[in-house]
């Protein structure tokens, strides 16, 4: 053994090892230099193992290891220093098509204690600098392990600190696409890993300038591995005191979409992502954490300044409480609770959602890339209040209240319930909506294309609507009040029988409130419409309209009546009036053959003077 410290003997051993590998393993081994110092300080320089220069299994400029001899006598291993510089490892599996390439600039670690019998390791530090990992899963079949059970692994690793500098990882061959991730700087402190009970505990994780890119492949409709049963294993348990991320980025988009064609939500691009989370716990689908701060910038321009909440995802309950979200323009507070684990959430899971805060129109526009200039200009300086409480189940929703409004503009309040929303035969519910406009000027930019509004919304306009759904029939009862007069409409539609009915009643309804630049005044009228079917070839319908009074240009037009009916692809009706300025009686008939529509008019027009 002492002769191994003699350089000539070391060169002889190196030569014998190279010759054996070259002659017996159909591979080439080349070692530049081996240096062994007393007692166990080994350095290997310029090591190469492979078949050709393009097929290198292992290469390294330097591999150094210093092992304490005294610990070996106690059946323990102490690695005082392990250094690997400029190393590369290539691996390929011809059966599965798996290919892996690892390039490592520098690895340093120390092992204070490695007890093989007790399966325990104490590692003060691990430092990794400069690395690239490339994997391609291929399209072959993975080999199945048929060796049966083995002795349980009870190894426990205690690691003081792990530092990582400039390492990235790329995975190809996934059915879903390509995955690419990396980190500029990372630090893991106070790590304790137990393989027997599958536990991981860390004091702190810090990640700086990390990135994650997920490029989605187009779906082919085929599912890889379908029908293959997998044995359920015990989940790992992870506890982390603090997680900190700074200046990270995330991208998810289809592979085929170029940068200049990226659109939300098909593409999600997040930058300047920073996060601080305390008291992290994870076991299978169970998660608990306190999010102190999350901020990022989204590709459309959304600037999330702060998000904080408490997260508790248990096997029988999901709870996200005190979620506060802030952007440069908006602020929301939310609470979500579901009486099941997140993986078991379904149509019958009881849940509750509350939301309260303000949303800026600028933030809304970020998710409306196809909006026009008129809407953009209107929303750019608007802020809307939002408040809601929804509870029940997905199939039995109870909307305690859901309100939207703007100070000095409008308010929209709603409440109700709905059941069986996914079953059109059973769907039922009731919804009450109240809409009030404080100032009509608030909506003026939306109604004027050239600076002058032909149509306006009057101040103090109110709209009350009740919606009832039962027995495959929907009924809407609406009342519109512009400040003078009233419009009442009741309409219903039954989709099972494809029948409908509507009544509209106007009583001294002030049209001039909506069209002040016109000559219209108040109107009193009644409309009744009913029928079956919406297809012209099969529809049957009847319309009765009575204009009791309409002020126009200072004159009151009265007693105008229209009766019409549709049956067998033929529309017939009668229009008459005995006003002095509008005196007529007319019958009409409209029908269609294979070539064209035809109309027949018959009646008397005694006087038409629309002043």
Foldseek 3Di string as FASTA:
>chain_A
DVCCQPQVVVVVVQVVVQVCCVVPVLKGWDWPGWHADPPGKIKTAFIWIANDPVGTAKTFGMWIWDWDPVVVVVQKIWTAKTKTAFMKGWDADPQQGKIKIKTFGMKIWTWGIQHPVQQETETAEIEGEDMEMEIERHHHDDDDDPPDDDDARFHKYWYAKYKYAWYKYKYHHDLFGIKIKTFHIKMWGGWIATRRQQEIETAEIETEAMEIEAAGEDHPPDDPPPPPDDDDDFWHKYWYAKYKYFFYKYKYAHPPADPVRDAPPNIWIKTRWIWMKGGWIDTPLWIWIWTFWIWIAIPLGWTWGTWTWTWTFDAQKTWTAQTWTDTPAWIKTKIKMWRGGPVPADQQIKMKMWMWIKDALVVVVSNVVPDDPLSCVLRNGFMKTWTWMWIGGNQKIWTCWTKIGGVQFKIKIKTKIWGRPVDLQAIWMKMKIKIWTQQQVSCVSVQDDPPDHQWTQAHGKMKIWMWTDGRQKIKIWMWIDRPFWIKTKIKMARPVQQKIKMKIFTDQHAPCRTGVVFFWGGWTKIKIKIWGDDDLQAIKMKIWIATAWIGGNNDIFGTWIKIWIGDNQKIKIWIAGPDPQWGWIKIKMWGDDPPGIDMDMDIDGPHHDRD
